[in-house]
C-alpha atoms as a PDB file:
ATOM      1  CA  MET A   1      66.812 102.714 123.898  1.00  0.00           C
ATOM      2  CA  SER A   2      64.672 104.497 126.422  1.00  0.00           C
ATOM      3  CA  ASN A   3      63.383 101.789 128.822  1.00  0.00           C
ATOM      4  CA  PRO A   4      66.270  99.637 130.048  1.00  0.00           C
ATOM      5  CA  SER A   5      65.619  96.172 131.486  1.00  0.00           C
ATOM      6  CA  PRO A   6      65.462  95.845 135.265  1.00  0.00           C
ATOM      7  CA  GLY A   7      68.976  96.072 136.693  1.00  0.00           C
ATOM      8  CA  ALA A   8      70.321  98.015 133.662  1.00  0.00           C
ATOM      9  CA  SER A   9      70.766 101.772 133.324  1.00  0.00           C
ATOM     10  CA  LEU A  10      71.319 104.202 130.477  1.00  0.00           C
ATOM     11  CA  GLY A  11      74.650 105.964 130.354  1.00  0.00           C
ATOM     12  CA  THR A  12      75.919 109.012 128.482  1.00  0.00           C
ATOM     13  CA  PRO A  13      76.448 108.143 124.817  1.00  0.00           C
ATOM     14  CA  ASN A  14      79.997 108.347 123.464  1.00  0.00           C
ATOM     15  CA  ILE A  15      80.504 109.866 120.039  1.00  0.00           C
ATOM     16  CA  VAL A  16      83.324 108.435 118.006  1.00  0.00           C
ATOM     17  CA  THR A  17      84.469 109.778 114.652  1.00  0.00           C
ATOM     18  CA  ILE A  18      86.158 107.246 112.412  1.00  0.00           C
ATOM     19  CA  ARG A  19      88.153 108.323 109.403  1.00  0.00           C
ATOM     20  CA  ILE A  20      89.049 105.622 106.911  1.00  0.00           C
ATOM     21  CA  THR A  21      91.953 106.378 104.676  1.00  0.00           C
ATOM     22  CA  SER A  22      93.319 104.137 102.029  1.00  0.00           C
ATOM     23  CA  GLU A  23      96.812 104.110 100.698  1.00  0.00           C
ATOM     24  CA  ASP A  24      95.642 102.065  97.734  1.00  0.00           C
ATOM     25  CA  ILE A  25      95.708 104.227  94.646  1.00  0.00           C
ATOM     26  CA  SER A  26      94.274 102.487  91.650  1.00  0.00           C
ATOM     27  CA  PRO A  27      96.876 102.169  88.981  1.00  0.00           C
ATOM     28  CA  HIS A  28      96.353 104.099  85.800  1.00  0.00           C
ATOM     29  CA  PHE A  29      98.307 103.724  82.595  1.00  0.00           C
ATOM     30  CA  SER A  30      97.852 105.534  79.307  1.00  0.00           C
ATOM     31  CA  ILE A  31      99.159 105.157  75.803  1.00  0.00           C
ATOM     32  CA  GLY A  32      98.328 107.582  73.038  1.00  0.00           C
ATOM     33  CA  ASN A  33      97.478 107.107  69.394  1.00  0.00           C
ATOM     34  CA  TYR A  34     100.420 107.057  66.989  1.00  0.00           C
ATOM     35  CA  THR A  35     101.072 107.063  63.236  1.00  0.00           C
ATOM     36  CA  PHE A  36     104.236 105.650  61.636  1.00  0.00           C
ATOM     37  CA  SER A  37     105.228 104.950  58.043  1.00  0.00           C
ATOM     38  CA  GLU A  38     105.560 101.246  57.274  1.00  0.00           C
ATOM     39  CA  ASN A  39     109.187 101.800  56.196  1.00  0.00           C
ATOM     40  CA  ALA A  40     110.109 103.276  59.618  1.00  0.00           C
ATOM     41  CA  GLY A  41     111.234  99.810  60.720  1.00  0.00           C
ATOM     42  CA  GLU A  42     109.682 100.121  64.166  1.00  0.00           C
ATOM     43  CA  ALA A  43     107.162 102.118  66.153  1.00  0.00           C
ATOM     44  CA  ARG A  44     108.212 103.389  69.572  1.00  0.00           C
ATOM     45  CA  LEU A  45     105.209 104.046  71.802  1.00  0.00           C
ATOM     46  CA  THR A  46     105.313 105.688  75.228  1.00  0.00           C
ATOM     47  CA  VAL A  47     103.288 104.295  78.130  1.00  0.00           C
ATOM     48  CA  VAL A  48     102.644 106.845  80.883  1.00  0.00           C
ATOM     49  CA  ARG A  49     102.024 105.822  84.460  1.00  0.00           C
ATOM     50  CA  GLY A  50      99.625 107.960  86.463  1.00  0.00           C
ATOM     51  CA  ASN A  51      98.621 108.216  90.131  1.00  0.00           C
ATOM     52  CA  ASP A  52     100.943 106.132  92.315  1.00  0.00           C
ATOM     53  CA  THR A  53     104.589 106.752  91.542  1.00  0.00           C
ATOM     54  CA  LEU A  54     105.932 105.533  94.864  1.00  0.00           C
ATOM     55  CA  ASN A  55     105.644 101.779  94.487  1.00  0.00           C
ATOM     56  CA  LEU A  56     106.815  99.178  92.011  1.00  0.00           C
ATOM     57  CA  MET A  57     104.051  98.520  89.465  1.00  0.00           C
ATOM     58  CA  THR A  58     103.755  96.334  86.404  1.00  0.00           C
ATOM     59  CA  VAL A  59     101.423  96.369  83.423  1.00  0.00           C
ATOM     60  CA  GLU A  60     101.060  93.797  80.655  1.00  0.00           C
ATOM     61  CA  PHE A  61     100.878  94.952  77.041  1.00  0.00           C
ATOM     62  CA  ALA A  62      99.893  93.234  73.804  1.00  0.00           C
ATOM     63  CA  THR A  63      99.158  94.157  70.201  1.00  0.00           C
ATOM     64  CA  HIS A  64      95.853  93.165  68.569  1.00  0.00           C
ATOM     65  CA  ASP A  65      94.935  93.139  64.875  1.00  0.00           C
ATOM     66  CA  ASP A  66      92.446  95.584  63.476  1.00  0.00           C
ATOM     67  CA  THR A  67      92.931  96.442  59.794  1.00  0.00           C
ATOM     68  CA  ALA A  68      96.681  95.834  60.237  1.00  0.00           C
ATOM     69  CA  LYS A  69      97.579  92.146  60.414  1.00  0.00           C
ATOM     70  CA  ALA A  70     100.395  90.629  62.457  1.00  0.00           C
ATOM     71  CA  GLY A  71     102.904  88.929  60.174  1.00  0.00           C
ATOM     72  CA  LEU A  72     101.923  91.114  57.191  1.00  0.00           C
ATOM     73  CA  ASP A  73     102.082  94.668  58.530  1.00  0.00           C
ATOM     74  CA  TYR A  74     103.811  94.353  61.906  1.00  0.00           C
ATOM     75  CA  THR A  75     105.251  91.763  64.290  1.00  0.00           C
ATOM     76  CA  ALA A  76     102.906  90.813  67.145  1.00  0.00           C
ATOM     77  CA  THR A  77     104.393  92.064  70.386  1.00  0.00           C
ATOM     78  CA  SER A  78     103.568  91.463  74.049  1.00  0.00           C
ATOM     79  CA  GLY A  79     105.291  91.665  77.396  1.00  0.00           C
ATOM     80  CA  VAL A  80     105.337  93.250  80.828  1.00  0.00           C
ATOM     81  CA  LEU A  81     106.507  96.750  81.673  1.00  0.00           C
ATOM     82  CA  GLU A  82     107.940  97.229  85.161  1.00  0.00           C
ATOM     83  CA  PHE A  83     107.764 100.719  86.639  1.00  0.00           C
ATOM     84  CA  LYS A  84     110.082 101.222  89.602  1.00  0.00           C
ATOM     85  CA  GLY A  85     109.400 103.807  92.312  1.00  0.00           C
ATOM     86  CA  SER A  86     109.456 107.175  90.600  1.00  0.00           C
ATOM     87  CA  GLU A  87     109.451 105.977  86.969  1.00  0.00           C
ATOM     88  CA  ARG A  88     106.611 107.582  84.985  1.00  0.00           C
ATOM     89  CA  THR A  89     107.220 106.405  81.412  1.00  0.00           C
ATOM     90  CA  LYS A  90     108.253 103.238  79.594  1.00  0.00           C
ATOM     91  CA  GLU A  91     108.541 102.448  75.915  1.00  0.00           C
ATOM     92  CA  ILE A  92     107.056  99.674  73.790  1.00  0.00           C
ATOM     93  CA  VAL A  93     108.766  98.873  70.491  1.00  0.00           C
ATOM     94  CA  ILE A  94     106.674  97.275  67.737  1.00  0.00           C
ATOM     95  CA  PRO A  95     108.532  96.078  64.600  1.00  0.00           C
ATOM     96  CA  LEU A  96     106.869  97.291  61.387  1.00  0.00           C
ATOM     97  CA  LEU A  97     106.996  95.197  58.219  1.00  0.00           C
ATOM     98  CA  ASN A  98     107.543  97.044  54.959  1.00  0.00           C
ATOM     99  CA  ASN A  99     105.904  95.539  51.894  1.00  0.00           C
ATOM    100  CA  ASP A 100     105.572  96.387  48.212  1.00  0.00           C
ATOM    101  CA  ARG A 101     101.773  96.486  48.291  1.00  0.00           C
ATOM    102  CA  LEU A 102      99.716  99.622  47.921  1.00  0.00           C
ATOM    103  CA  ASP A 103      97.545  98.998  50.965  1.00  0.00           C
ATOM    104  CA  GLY A 104      96.766 102.413  52.466  1.00  0.00           C
ATOM    105  CA  PHE A 105      96.448 103.049  56.180  1.00  0.00           C
ATOM    106  CA  ARG A 106      96.153 100.096  58.577  1.00  0.00           C
ATOM    107  CA  GLN A 107      95.571 100.082  62.324  1.00  0.00           C
ATOM    108  CA  LEU A 108      96.280  97.860  65.291  1.00  0.00           C
ATOM    109  CA  ARG A 109      95.358  98.201  68.960  1.00  0.00           C
ATOM    110  CA  ILE A 110      97.706  98.087  71.914  1.00  0.00           C
ATOM    111  CA  GLU A 111      96.104  97.075  75.207  1.00  0.00           C
ATOM    112  CA  LEU A 112      97.539  97.583  78.675  1.00  0.00           C
ATOM    113  CA  LYS A 113      96.261  95.090  81.249  1.00  0.00           C
ATOM    114  CA  ASP A 114      96.688  94.209  84.905  1.00  0.00           C
ATOM    115  CA  SER A 115      95.454  90.741  85.923  1.00  0.00           C
ATOM    116  CA  GLY A 116      93.321  90.582  82.784  1.00  0.00           C
ATOM    117  CA  VAL A 117      91.657  93.975  83.378  1.00  0.00           C
ATOM    118  CA  VAL A 118      92.221  96.570  80.639  1.00  0.00           C
ATOM    119  CA  MET A 119      93.968  99.584  82.180  1.00  0.00           C
ATOM    120  CA  GLY A 120      94.437 101.560  78.943  1.00  0.00           C
ATOM    121  CA  SER A 121      94.608 101.219  75.175  1.00  0.00           C
ATOM    122  CA  GLY A 122      95.815 103.049  72.111  1.00  0.00           C
ATOM    123  CA  LEU A 123      95.872 102.840  68.327  1.00  0.00           C
ATOM    124  CA  LEU A 124      98.846 102.557  66.025  1.00  0.00           C
ATOM    125  CA  THR A 125      98.197 103.617  62.437  1.00  0.00           C
ATOM    126  CA  ILE A 126     100.641 102.305  59.849  1.00  0.00           C
ATOM    127  CA  ARG A 127     100.882 104.637  56.871  1.00  0.00           C
ATOM    128  CA  ASP A 128     101.640 103.085  53.492  1.00  0.00           C
ATOM    129  CA  ASN A 129     104.827 104.324  51.820  1.00  0.00           C
ATOM    130  CA  GLU A 130     103.863 103.146  48.315  1.00  0.00           C
ATOM    131  CA  THR A 131     102.177 105.684  46.056  1.00  0.00           C
ATOM    132  CA  GLY A 132     100.432 105.509  42.730  1.00  0.00           C
ATOM    133  CA  VAL A 133      98.024 103.087  41.211  1.00  0.00           C
ATOM    134  CA  GLN A 134      98.388  99.369  41.648  1.00  0.00           C
ATOM    135  CA  LEU A 135      96.982  97.137  38.910  1.00  0.00           C
ATOM    136  CA  ASN A 136      96.131  93.530  39.612  1.00  0.00           C
ATOM    137  CA  ARG A 137      96.152  91.090  36.754  1.00  0.00           C
ATOM    138  CA  THR A 138      92.959  89.054  36.438  1.00  0.00           C
ATOM    139  CA  LYS A 139      92.438  85.987  34.309  1.00  0.00           C
END
């Protein structure tokens, strides 16, 4: 503004610096890829919390079929992991189902979510413990 209205005057401008800081650190969770034999009985997977380790945080987890099928190869598992203050790791246990079929390698996904948003995912490969050739009788 260079021409003020009658009765108004221009003053010396003030310079203000504003710094915005946020204490919100977006949560980050990771889970690796694992391989277990189907006769292991269970798969123990480690979830690692990143970034904020000061506050209580939770993350939902659930298994999802890929080539491995719940009820045939593993027991579907879901729940909520609660990380207190300085906790960095938690464990998910997925029961594995041993069978007498020669069915090779099968996979399932594990997703980590917060309010429906995927925060991380991993793969669990189930390795067959049967070996040899399997013959199927046909009529």
